[in-house]
Amino acid sequence: MTTPRTASQSAALNFPEPTPLAESSPQALVSQSLLQAKRILTGWSRNRSAILQALLYPAVMMLMFRIVLGGSIDATSAITQQRGIFGTVPMMCLVGAMSGSSISAMGIQRDRETGLLGRFAAMPVNRTSDLLGRLLAEAARLITTVALILAVGVFLGFRFEKGLLSGLGMPLVVLVFGMSFVMAMTAIATVMKGPQIVMLVMVCTTLLMFFNSGFVPIMAYPQWLQPFVANQPISCAINAMRALTDARYPGTLAEPLTKTLLWSAGLLALSIRGAVKGYHRAAAD
């Protein structure tokens, strides 16, 4: 039979104390970024308007395009031998990536106004974890958006005609371009206040959505406008995704993919420094 420990014996017990992670350590960056991503995703899941804008809006728009313009697009495609669904699905994936980025931008503004960014800056956490966590949350949003649009696209007749392995490159194209656009919106959100950021995103997405090779074939545009339509970033990304999925696509993958990577790299190079500096400046306000 054991006897209970006395108070002096209990006081003598030494329990190991956890060693806190250094703020600048890679372990702290990874664990805290994942925690921030979980916080942001949880907030989005409780915001019905955010879910509608980020996930359902692109899929519903694709259905509307197919119902309203399906006949005219298919008639033009009969001449060019390029089927409309293989342009509509990639186009709406990119539109979803761009339009949903305003949610993250508004979240940054809200956290700055409520003082949450300032509190993170004063806490013993990695200074980059919040920004990296937002990017991880955006990556999760992009993948979910693409999966939903592809599901609707398959229902409308979209197929991976060049094989599933080649088709897996399609979400990667959306992810590369989408993350560069998110970084640009992050840089803008740190210096712009109010709902103007949403209007800016809407203007960009509307212009690029109606002047690209996925909406109608390039030959359908006025001749003076065709060079712009053929080389703007959305058209390049759409053509790259068509080359990965459409067996009738007349071109090769190398040219549109190279242009997409150059557009994404250029946008990232112009915005990453401003996004990081602006984010830290917003946290210090």
C-alpha atoms as a PDB file:
ATOM      1  CA  MET A   1       0.000   0.000   0.000  1.00  0.00           C
ATOM      2  CA  THR A   2       1.417   3.356  -1.044  1.00  0.00           C
ATOM      3  CA  THR A   3       1.376   6.332   1.222  1.00  0.00           C
ATOM      4  CA  PRO A   4       0.322   9.775  -0.064  1.00  0.00           C
ATOM      5  CA  ARG A   5       3.081  12.280  -0.732  1.00  0.00           C
ATOM      6  CA  THR A   6       3.528  15.053   1.748  1.00  0.00           C
ATOM      7  CA  ALA A   7       3.388  18.718   0.753  1.00  0.00           C
ATOM      8  CA  SER A   8       7.179  19.005   0.988  1.00  0.00           C
ATOM      9  CA  GLN A   9       7.666  16.024  -1.305  1.00  0.00           C
ATOM     10  CA  SER A  10       5.208  17.461  -3.881  1.00  0.00           C
ATOM     11  CA  ALA A  11       6.973  20.818  -3.814  1.00  0.00           C
ATOM     12  CA  ALA A  12      10.262  19.119  -4.530  1.00  0.00           C
ATOM     13  CA  LEU A  13       9.036  17.677  -7.823  1.00  0.00           C
ATOM     14  CA  ASN A  14      10.496  19.524 -10.832  1.00  0.00           C
ATOM     15  CA  PHE A  15       8.411  19.414 -14.007  1.00  0.00           C
ATOM     16  CA  PRO A  16      10.161  20.291 -17.296  1.00  0.00           C
ATOM     17  CA  GLU A  17       9.114  23.631 -18.718  1.00  0.00           C
ATOM     18  CA  PRO A  18       8.453  23.867 -22.477  1.00  0.00           C
ATOM     19  CA  THR A  19      11.068  25.761 -24.413  1.00  0.00           C
ATOM     20  CA  PRO A  20       9.425  28.489 -26.527  1.00  0.00           C
ATOM     21  CA  LEU A  21      10.337  28.614 -30.196  1.00  0.00           C
ATOM     22  CA  ALA A  22      12.498  31.485 -31.330  1.00  0.00           C
ATOM     23  CA  GLU A  23      10.460  34.034 -33.308  1.00  0.00           C
ATOM     24  CA  SER A  24      12.720  33.808 -36.341  1.00  0.00           C
ATOM     25  CA  SER A  25      13.097  30.022 -36.345  1.00  0.00           C
ATOM     26  CA  PRO A  26      11.781  27.983 -39.298  1.00  0.00           C
ATOM     27  CA  GLN A  27       9.733  25.839 -36.896  1.00  0.00           C
ATOM     28  CA  ALA A  28       7.933  28.904 -35.560  1.00  0.00           C
ATOM     29  CA  LEU A  29       7.286  30.192 -39.089  1.00  0.00           C
ATOM     30  CA  VAL A  30       5.748  26.895 -40.229  1.00  0.00           C
ATOM     31  CA  SER A  31       3.601  26.204 -37.163  1.00  0.00           C
ATOM     32  CA  GLN A  32       2.394  29.799 -36.786  1.00  0.00           C
ATOM     33  CA  SER A  33       1.669  30.185 -40.512  1.00  0.00           C
ATOM     34  CA  LEU A  34      -0.481  27.056 -40.437  1.00  0.00           C
ATOM     35  CA  LEU A  35      -2.288  28.403 -37.389  1.00  0.00           C
ATOM     36  CA  GLN A  36      -2.921  31.729 -39.136  1.00  0.00           C
ATOM     37  CA  ALA A  37      -4.185  29.923 -42.228  1.00  0.00           C
ATOM     38  CA  LYS A  38      -6.593  27.936 -40.068  1.00  0.00           C
ATOM     39  CA  ARG A  39      -7.807  31.182 -38.453  1.00  0.00           C
ATOM     40  CA  ILE A  40      -8.467  32.800 -41.816  1.00  0.00           C
ATOM     41  CA  LEU A  41     -10.180  29.747 -43.312  1.00  0.00           C
ATOM     42  CA  THR A  42     -12.392  29.470 -40.237  1.00  0.00           C
ATOM     43  CA  GLY A  43     -13.390  33.122 -40.619  1.00  0.00           C
ATOM     44  CA  TRP A  44     -14.205  32.630 -44.293  1.00  0.00           C
ATOM     45  CA  SER A  45     -16.319  29.562 -43.544  1.00  0.00           C
ATOM     46  CA  ARG A  46     -18.518  31.704 -41.287  1.00  0.00           C
ATOM     47  CA  ASN A  47     -18.925  34.417 -43.921  1.00  0.00           C
ATOM     48  CA  ARG A  48     -21.657  33.411 -46.348  1.00  0.00           C
ATOM     49  CA  SER A  49     -21.032  36.286 -48.737  1.00  0.00           C
ATOM     50  CA  ALA A  50     -17.355  35.341 -48.952  1.00  0.00           C
ATOM     51  CA  ILE A  51     -18.235  31.750 -49.813  1.00  0.00           C
ATOM     52  CA  LEU A  52     -20.705  32.884 -52.468  1.00  0.00           C
ATOM     53  CA  GLN A  53     -18.225  35.267 -54.080  1.00  0.00           C
ATOM     54  CA  ALA A  54     -15.203  32.979 -53.942  1.00  0.00           C
ATOM     55  CA  LEU A  55     -16.744  29.596 -54.753  1.00  0.00           C
ATOM     56  CA  LEU A  56     -20.250  29.782 -56.201  1.00  0.00           C
ATOM     57  CA  TYR A  57     -19.974  32.969 -58.287  1.00  0.00           C
ATOM     58  CA  PRO A  58     -17.531  31.544 -60.894  1.00  0.00           C
ATOM     59  CA  ALA A  59     -19.494  28.286 -61.250  1.00  0.00           C
ATOM     60  CA  VAL A  60     -22.825  30.112 -61.623  1.00  0.00           C
ATOM     61  CA  MET A  61     -21.300  32.521 -64.145  1.00  0.00           C
ATOM     62  CA  MET A  62     -20.038  29.588 -66.213  1.00  0.00           C
ATOM     63  CA  LEU A  63     -23.527  28.104 -66.273  1.00  0.00           C
ATOM     64  CA  MET A  64     -24.951  31.463 -67.368  1.00  0.00           C
ATOM     65  CA  PHE A  65     -22.407  31.814 -70.164  1.00  0.00           C
ATOM     66  CA  ARG A  66     -23.197  28.320 -71.349  1.00  0.00           C
ATOM     67  CA  ILE A  67     -26.964  28.860 -71.292  1.00  0.00           C
ATOM     68  CA  VAL A  68     -27.014  32.362 -72.812  1.00  0.00           C
ATOM     69  CA  LEU A  69     -24.041  32.235 -75.196  1.00  0.00           C
ATOM     70  CA  GLY A  70     -23.563  28.527 -75.730  1.00  0.00           C
ATOM     71  CA  GLY A  71     -25.093  28.465 -79.200  1.00  0.00           C
ATOM     72  CA  SER A  72     -23.147  31.418 -80.580  1.00  0.00           C
ATOM     73  CA  ILE A  73     -19.863  30.247 -79.072  1.00  0.00           C
ATOM     74  CA  ASP A  74     -20.293  26.750 -80.463  1.00  0.00           C
ATOM     75  CA  ALA A  75     -21.152  28.166 -83.894  1.00  0.00           C
ATOM     76  CA  THR A  76     -17.888  30.114 -83.950  1.00  0.00           C
ATOM     77  CA  SER A  77     -16.040  27.079 -82.657  1.00  0.00           C
ATOM     78  CA  ALA A  78     -17.328  25.056 -85.608  1.00  0.00           C
ATOM     79  CA  ILE A  79     -15.310  27.376 -87.847  1.00  0.00           C
ATOM     80  CA  THR A  80     -12.152  27.460 -85.753  1.00  0.00           C
ATOM     81  CA  GLN A  81     -12.384  23.797 -84.645  1.00  0.00           C
ATOM     82  CA  GLN A  82     -11.955  24.959 -81.021  1.00  0.00           C
ATOM     83  CA  ARG A  83     -14.738  23.912 -78.661  1.00  0.00           C
ATOM     84  CA  GLY A  84     -16.124  26.595 -76.379  1.00  0.00           C
ATOM     85  CA  ILE A  85     -16.214  24.558 -73.173  1.00  0.00           C
ATOM     86  CA  PHE A  86     -12.407  24.151 -73.260  1.00  0.00           C
ATOM     87  CA  GLY A  87     -12.086  27.930 -73.117  1.00  0.00           C
ATOM     88  CA  THR A  88     -14.938  28.691 -70.732  1.00  0.00           C
ATOM     89  CA  VAL A  89     -13.776  26.377 -67.941  1.00  0.00           C
ATOM     90  CA  PRO A  90     -10.174  27.722 -67.797  1.00  0.00           C
ATOM     91  CA  MET A  91     -11.480  31.292 -68.076  1.00  0.00           C
ATOM     92  CA  MET A  92     -13.821  30.904 -65.107  1.00  0.00           C
ATOM     93  CA  CYS A  93     -11.072  29.238 -63.057  1.00  0.00           C
ATOM     94  CA  LEU A  94      -8.962  32.352 -63.537  1.00  0.00           C
ATOM     95  CA  VAL A  95     -11.881  34.709 -62.945  1.00  0.00           C
ATOM     96  CA  GLY A  96     -12.617  32.864 -59.696  1.00  0.00           C
ATOM     97  CA  ALA A  97      -8.987  33.189 -58.653  1.00  0.00           C
ATOM     98  CA  MET A  98      -9.018  36.927 -59.302  1.00  0.00           C
ATOM     99  CA  SER A  99     -12.443  37.828 -57.932  1.00  0.00           C
ATOM    100  CA  GLY A 100     -11.914  35.853 -54.727  1.00  0.00           C
ATOM    101  CA  SER A 101      -8.691  37.719 -53.968  1.00  0.00           C
ATOM    102  CA  SER A 102     -10.731  40.710 -52.815  1.00  0.00           C
ATOM    103  CA  ILE A 103     -11.832  38.656 -49.786  1.00  0.00           C
ATOM    104  CA  SER A 104      -8.264  38.430 -48.521  1.00  0.00           C
ATOM    105  CA  ALA A 105      -7.675  42.102 -49.289  1.00  0.00           C
ATOM    106  CA  MET A 106     -10.753  43.121 -47.310  1.00  0.00           C
ATOM    107  CA  GLY A 107      -9.619  40.843 -44.484  1.00  0.00           C
ATOM    108  CA  ILE A 108      -6.292  42.669 -44.274  1.00  0.00           C
ATOM    109  CA  GLN A 109      -8.070  46.007 -44.120  1.00  0.00           C
ATOM    110  CA  ARG A 110     -10.439  44.749 -41.427  1.00  0.00           C
ATOM    111  CA  ASP A 111      -7.602  43.351 -39.306  1.00  0.00           C
ATOM    112  CA  ARG A 112      -5.735  46.648 -39.631  1.00  0.00           C
ATOM    113  CA  GLU A 113      -8.770  48.713 -38.614  1.00  0.00           C
ATOM    114  CA  THR A 114      -9.520  46.517 -35.601  1.00  0.00           C
ATOM    115  CA  GLY A 115      -5.893  46.627 -34.473  1.00  0.00           C
ATOM    116  CA  LEU A 116      -5.346  42.875 -34.892  1.00  0.00           C
ATOM    117  CA  LEU A 117      -2.314  43.343 -37.140  1.00  0.00           C
ATOM    118  CA  GLY A 118      -0.781  45.649 -34.542  1.00  0.00           C
ATOM    119  CA  ARG A 119      -1.332  43.081 -31.811  1.00  0.00           C
ATOM    120  CA  PHE A 120       0.353  40.394 -33.905  1.00  0.00           C
ATOM    121  CA  ALA A 121       3.339  42.726 -34.353  1.00  0.00           C
ATOM    122  CA  ALA A 122       3.622  43.161 -30.572  1.00  0.00           C
ATOM    123  CA  MET A 123       3.323  39.447 -29.797  1.00  0.00           C
ATOM    124  CA  PRO A 124       6.292  37.027 -29.728  1.00  0.00           C
ATOM    125  CA  VAL A 125       5.412  35.472 -33.088  1.00  0.00           C
ATOM    126  CA  ASN A 126       7.152  35.362 -36.423  1.00  0.00           C
ATOM    127  CA  ARG A 127       6.510  38.631 -38.266  1.00  0.00           C
ATOM    128  CA  THR A 128       5.948  36.827 -41.581  1.00  0.00           C
ATOM    129  CA  SER A 129       3.602  34.132 -40.288  1.00  0.00           C
ATOM    130  CA  ASP A 130       0.385  36.121 -40.760  1.00  0.00           C
ATOM    131  CA  LEU A 131       1.190  37.054 -44.364  1.00  0.00           C
ATOM    132  CA  LEU A 132       2.315  33.522 -45.196  1.00  0.00           C
ATOM    133  CA  GLY A 133      -0.782  32.129 -43.494  1.00  0.00           C
ATOM    134  CA  ARG A 134      -2.971  34.301 -45.712  1.00  0.00           C
ATOM    135  CA  LEU A 135      -1.182  32.997 -48.797  1.00  0.00           C
ATOM    136  CA  LEU A 136      -1.711  29.409 -47.634  1.00  0.00           C
ATOM    137  CA  ALA A 137      -5.402  30.131 -47.093  1.00  0.00           C
ATOM    138  CA  GLU A 138      -5.595  31.658 -50.568  1.00  0.00           C
ATOM    139  CA  ALA A 139      -3.953  28.561 -52.050  1.00  0.00           C
ATOM    140  CA  ALA A 140      -6.588  26.398 -50.360  1.00  0.00           C
ATOM    141  CA  ARG A 141      -9.319  28.691 -51.728  1.00  0.00           C
ATOM    142  CA  LEU A 142      -7.908  28.480 -55.247  1.00  0.00           C
ATOM    143  CA  ILE A 143      -7.749  24.688 -55.189  1.00  0.00           C
ATOM    144  CA  THR A 144     -11.327  24.458 -53.896  1.00  0.00           C
ATOM    145  CA  THR A 145     -12.557  26.929 -56.512  1.00  0.00           C
ATOM    146  CA  VAL A 146     -10.877  25.039 -59.351  1.00  0.00           C
ATOM    147  CA  ALA A 147     -12.279  21.713 -58.101  1.00  0.00           C
ATOM    148  CA  LEU A 148     -15.824  23.118 -58.019  1.00  0.00           C
ATOM    149  CA  ILE A 149     -15.552  24.710 -61.473  1.00  0.00           C
ATOM    150  CA  LEU A 150     -14.098  21.516 -62.930  1.00  0.00           C
ATOM    151  CA  ALA A 151     -16.995  19.535 -61.458  1.00  0.00           C
ATOM    152  CA  VAL A 152     -19.495  21.858 -63.164  1.00  0.00           C
ATOM    153  CA  GLY A 153     -17.384  21.815 -66.336  1.00  0.00           C
ATOM    154  CA  VAL A 154     -17.423  18.015 -66.497  1.00  0.00           C
ATOM    155  CA  PHE A 155     -21.203  18.166 -66.190  1.00  0.00           C
ATOM    156  CA  LEU A 156     -21.262  20.528 -69.202  1.00  0.00           C
ATOM    157  CA  GLY A 157     -18.950  18.338 -71.291  1.00  0.00           C
ATOM    158  CA  PHE A 158     -15.424  19.283 -70.273  1.00  0.00           C
ATOM    159  CA  ARG A 159     -12.938  16.393 -70.349  1.00  0.00           C
ATOM    160  CA  PHE A 160      -9.201  15.820 -69.833  1.00  0.00           C
ATOM    161  CA  GLU A 161      -8.698  14.597 -73.379  1.00  0.00           C
ATOM    162  CA  LYS A 162      -4.911  14.516 -73.129  1.00  0.00           C
ATOM    163  CA  GLY A 163      -4.970  12.342 -70.044  1.00  0.00           C
ATOM    164  CA  LEU A 164      -5.319  12.885 -66.332  1.00  0.00           C
ATOM    165  CA  LEU A 165      -1.581  13.411 -65.807  1.00  0.00           C
ATOM    166  CA  SER A 166      -1.525  16.274 -68.294  1.00  0.00           C
ATOM    167  CA  GLY A 167      -4.768  17.630 -66.870  1.00  0.00           C
ATOM    168  CA  LEU A 168      -3.225  17.890 -63.404  1.00  0.00           C
ATOM    169  CA  GLY A 169      -1.142  20.757 -64.759  1.00  0.00           C
ATOM    170  CA  MET A 170      -4.292  22.832 -65.212  1.00  0.00           C
ATOM    171  CA  PRO A 171      -4.805  23.616 -61.484  1.00  0.00           C
ATOM    172  CA  LEU A 172      -1.093  24.410 -61.224  1.00  0.00           C
ATOM    173  CA  VAL A 173      -1.428  27.099 -63.909  1.00  0.00           C
ATOM    174  CA  VAL A 174      -4.342  28.635 -61.984  1.00  0.00           C
ATOM    175  CA  LEU A 175      -2.373  28.430 -58.742  1.00  0.00           C
ATOM    176  CA  VAL A 176       0.717  30.138 -60.193  1.00  0.00           C
ATOM    177  CA  PHE A 177      -1.198  32.990 -61.786  1.00  0.00           C
ATOM    178  CA  GLY A 178      -3.698  33.286 -58.934  1.00  0.00           C
ATOM    179  CA  MET A 179      -1.048  33.593 -56.225  1.00  0.00           C
ATOM    180  CA  SER A 180       0.773  36.324 -58.130  1.00  0.00           C
ATOM    181  CA  PHE A 181      -2.505  38.235 -58.442  1.00  0.00           C
ATOM    182  CA  VAL A 182      -3.218  37.711 -54.735  1.00  0.00           C
ATOM    183  CA  MET A 183       0.193  39.164 -53.886  1.00  0.00           C
ATOM    184  CA  ALA A 184      -0.582  42.222 -56.013  1.00  0.00           C
ATOM    185  CA  MET A 185      -3.937  42.691 -54.273  1.00  0.00           C
ATOM    186  CA  THR A 186      -2.213  42.324 -50.898  1.00  0.00           C
ATOM    187  CA  ALA A 187       0.194  45.126 -51.771  1.00  0.00           C
ATOM    188  CA  ILE A 188      -2.696  47.347 -52.861  1.00  0.00           C
ATOM    189  CA  ALA A 189      -4.798  46.497 -49.794  1.00  0.00           C
ATOM    190  CA  THR A 190      -2.105  47.768 -47.438  1.00  0.00           C
ATOM    191  CA  VAL A 191      -2.284  51.286 -48.924  1.00  0.00           C
ATOM    192  CA  MET A 192      -5.936  51.500 -50.009  1.00  0.00           C
ATOM    193  CA  LYS A 193      -8.794  51.837 -47.561  1.00  0.00           C
ATOM    194  CA  GLY A 194     -12.487  51.066 -47.850  1.00  0.00           C
ATOM    195  CA  PRO A 195     -14.422  49.104 -50.464  1.00  0.00           C
ATOM    196  CA  GLN A 196     -12.444  50.604 -53.361  1.00  0.00           C
ATOM    197  CA  ILE A 197     -10.347  47.442 -53.438  1.00  0.00           C
ATOM    198  CA  VAL A 198     -13.438  45.421 -54.383  1.00  0.00           C
ATOM    199  CA  MET A 199     -14.282  47.844 -57.197  1.00  0.00           C
ATOM    200  CA  LEU A 200     -10.711  47.641 -58.477  1.00  0.00           C
ATOM    201  CA  VAL A 201     -10.837  43.848 -58.594  1.00  0.00           C
ATOM    202  CA  MET A 202     -14.225  43.916 -60.332  1.00  0.00           C
ATOM    203  CA  VAL A 203     -12.948  46.298 -63.008  1.00  0.00           C
ATOM    204  CA  CYS A 204      -9.846  44.152 -63.639  1.00  0.00           C
ATOM    205  CA  THR A 205     -11.738  40.873 -63.788  1.00  0.00           C
ATOM    206  CA  THR A 206     -14.528  42.267 -65.981  1.00  0.00           C
ATOM    207  CA  LEU A 207     -12.142  43.726 -68.561  1.00  0.00           C
ATOM    208  CA  LEU A 208      -9.970  40.634 -68.702  1.00  0.00           C
ATOM    209  CA  MET A 209     -12.976  38.289 -68.702  1.00  0.00           C
ATOM    210  CA  PHE A 210     -14.559  39.793 -71.820  1.00  0.00           C
ATOM    211  CA  PHE A 211     -11.333  40.316 -73.796  1.00  0.00           C
ATOM    212  CA  ASN A 212      -9.601  36.930 -73.845  1.00  0.00           C
ATOM    213  CA  SER A 213      -9.325  33.820 -75.977  1.00  0.00           C
ATOM    214  CA  GLY A 214     -11.597  31.825 -73.674  1.00  0.00           C
ATOM    215  CA  PHE A 215     -14.676  33.998 -74.116  1.00  0.00           C
ATOM    216  CA  VAL A 216     -14.700  33.803 -77.918  1.00  0.00           C
ATOM    217  CA  PRO A 217     -11.941  32.913 -80.420  1.00  0.00           C
ATOM    218  CA  ILE A 218      -9.408  35.646 -81.086  1.00  0.00           C
ATOM    219  CA  MET A 219     -10.531  35.948 -84.705  1.00  0.00           C
ATOM    220  CA  ALA A 220     -13.933  37.215 -83.474  1.00  0.00           C
ATOM    221  CA  TYR A 221     -12.388  40.407 -82.075  1.00  0.00           C
ATOM    222  CA  PRO A 222     -11.574  43.475 -84.207  1.00  0.00           C
ATOM    223  CA  GLN A 223      -8.244  43.103 -85.942  1.00  0.00           C
ATOM    224  CA  TRP A 224      -6.686  46.044 -84.107  1.00  0.00           C
ATOM    225  CA  LEU A 225      -7.615  44.446 -80.768  1.00  0.00           C
ATOM    226  CA  GLN A 226      -6.426  40.919 -81.525  1.00  0.00           C
ATOM    227  CA  PRO A 227      -2.753  41.419 -80.483  1.00  0.00           C
ATOM    228  CA  PHE A 228      -3.841  42.652 -77.045  1.00  0.00           C
ATOM    229  CA  VAL A 229      -6.342  39.818 -76.596  1.00  0.00           C
ATOM    230  CA  ALA A 230      -3.837  37.182 -77.699  1.00  0.00           C
ATOM    231  CA  ASN A 231      -1.069  38.307 -75.348  1.00  0.00           C
ATOM    232  CA  GLN A 232      -2.860  39.508 -72.227  1.00  0.00           C
ATOM    233  CA  PRO A 233      -2.203  37.301 -69.155  1.00  0.00           C
ATOM    234  CA  ILE A 234      -5.643  35.667 -68.989  1.00  0.00           C
ATOM    235  CA  SER A 235      -5.461  34.549 -72.635  1.00  0.00           C
ATOM    236  CA  CYS A 236      -1.971  33.135 -72.147  1.00  0.00           C
ATOM    237  CA  ALA A 237      -3.072  31.126 -69.108  1.00  0.00           C
ATOM    238  CA  ILE A 238      -6.236  29.926 -70.883  1.00  0.00           C
ATOM    239  CA  ASN A 239      -4.227  28.757 -73.888  1.00  0.00           C
ATOM    240  CA  ALA A 240      -1.800  26.937 -71.608  1.00  0.00           C
ATOM    241  CA  MET A 241      -4.682  25.102 -69.932  1.00  0.00           C
ATOM    242  CA  ARG A 242      -6.250  24.299 -73.296  1.00  0.00           C
ATOM    243  CA  ALA A 243      -2.960  22.849 -74.461  1.00  0.00           C
ATOM    244  CA  LEU A 244      -3.012  20.597 -71.388  1.00  0.00           C
ATOM    245  CA  THR A 245      -6.582  19.360 -71.859  1.00  0.00           C
ATOM    246  CA  ASP A 246      -7.976  19.931 -75.383  1.00  0.00           C
ATOM    247  CA  ALA A 247      -6.952  17.379 -78.017  1.00  0.00           C
ATOM    248  CA  ARG A 248      -7.945  19.805 -80.802  1.00  0.00           C
ATOM    249  CA  TYR A 249      -5.857  22.730 -79.558  1.00  0.00           C
ATOM    250  CA  PRO A 250      -3.757  23.731 -82.585  1.00  0.00           C
ATOM    251  CA  GLY A 251      -0.729  25.164 -80.778  1.00  0.00           C
ATOM    252  CA  THR A 252       1.910  23.832 -78.417  1.00  0.00           C
ATOM    253  CA  LEU A 253       2.164  24.116 -74.642  1.00  0.00           C
ATOM    254  CA  ALA A 254       5.557  25.835 -74.545  1.00  0.00           C
ATOM    255  CA  GLU A 255       4.558  29.273 -75.854  1.00  0.00           C
ATOM    256  CA  PRO A 256       1.438  30.011 -73.723  1.00  0.00           C
ATOM    257  CA  LEU A 257       2.997  28.428 -70.628  1.00  0.00           C
ATOM    258  CA  THR A 258       6.142  30.532 -70.991  1.00  0.00           C
ATOM    259  CA  LYS A 259       4.079  33.695 -71.387  1.00  0.00           C
ATOM    260  CA  THR A 260       1.996  32.786 -68.333  1.00  0.00           C
ATOM    261  CA  LEU A 261       5.082  32.219 -66.215  1.00  0.00           C
ATOM    262  CA  LEU A 262       6.582  35.516 -67.393  1.00  0.00           C
ATOM    263  CA  TRP A 263       3.377  37.420 -66.604  1.00  0.00           C
ATOM    264  CA  SER A 264       3.161  35.788 -63.167  1.00  0.00           C
ATOM    265  CA  ALA A 265       6.836  36.367 -62.392  1.00  0.00           C
ATOM    266  CA  GLY A 266       6.594  39.998 -63.458  1.00  0.00           C
ATOM    267  CA  LEU A 267       3.485  40.623 -61.360  1.00  0.00           C
ATOM    268  CA  LEU A 268       5.090  38.891 -58.402  1.00  0.00           C
ATOM    269  CA  ALA A 269       8.322  40.857 -58.756  1.00  0.00           C
ATOM    270  CA  LEU A 270       6.429  44.152 -58.858  1.00  0.00           C
ATOM    271  CA  SER A 271       4.249  43.386 -55.847  1.00  0.00           C
ATOM    272  CA  ILE A 272       6.096  41.155 -53.383  1.00  0.00           C
ATOM    273  CA  ARG A 273       8.317  43.876 -51.936  1.00  0.00           C
ATOM    274  CA  GLY A 274       5.422  46.311 -51.668  1.00  0.00           C
ATOM    275  CA  ALA A 275       3.211  43.634 -50.103  1.00  0.00           C
ATOM    276  CA  VAL A 276       5.732  42.728 -47.396  1.00  0.00           C
ATOM    277  CA  LYS A 277       6.652  46.338 -46.573  1.00  0.00           C
ATOM    278  CA  GLY A 278       3.051  47.512 -46.718  1.00  0.00           C
ATOM    279  CA  TYR A 279       1.929  44.641 -44.506  1.00  0.00           C
ATOM    280  CA  HIS A 280       4.501  45.460 -41.852  1.00  0.00           C
ATOM    281  CA  ARG A 281       3.654  49.167 -42.118  1.00  0.00           C
ATOM    282  CA  ALA A 282      -0.049  48.381 -41.684  1.00  0.00           C
ATOM    283  CA  ALA A 283       0.788  46.271 -38.612  1.00  0.00           C
ATOM    284  CA  ALA A 284       2.677  49.196 -37.103  1.00  0.00           C
ATOM    285  CA  ASP A 285      -0.236  51.642 -37.509  1.00  0.00           C
END
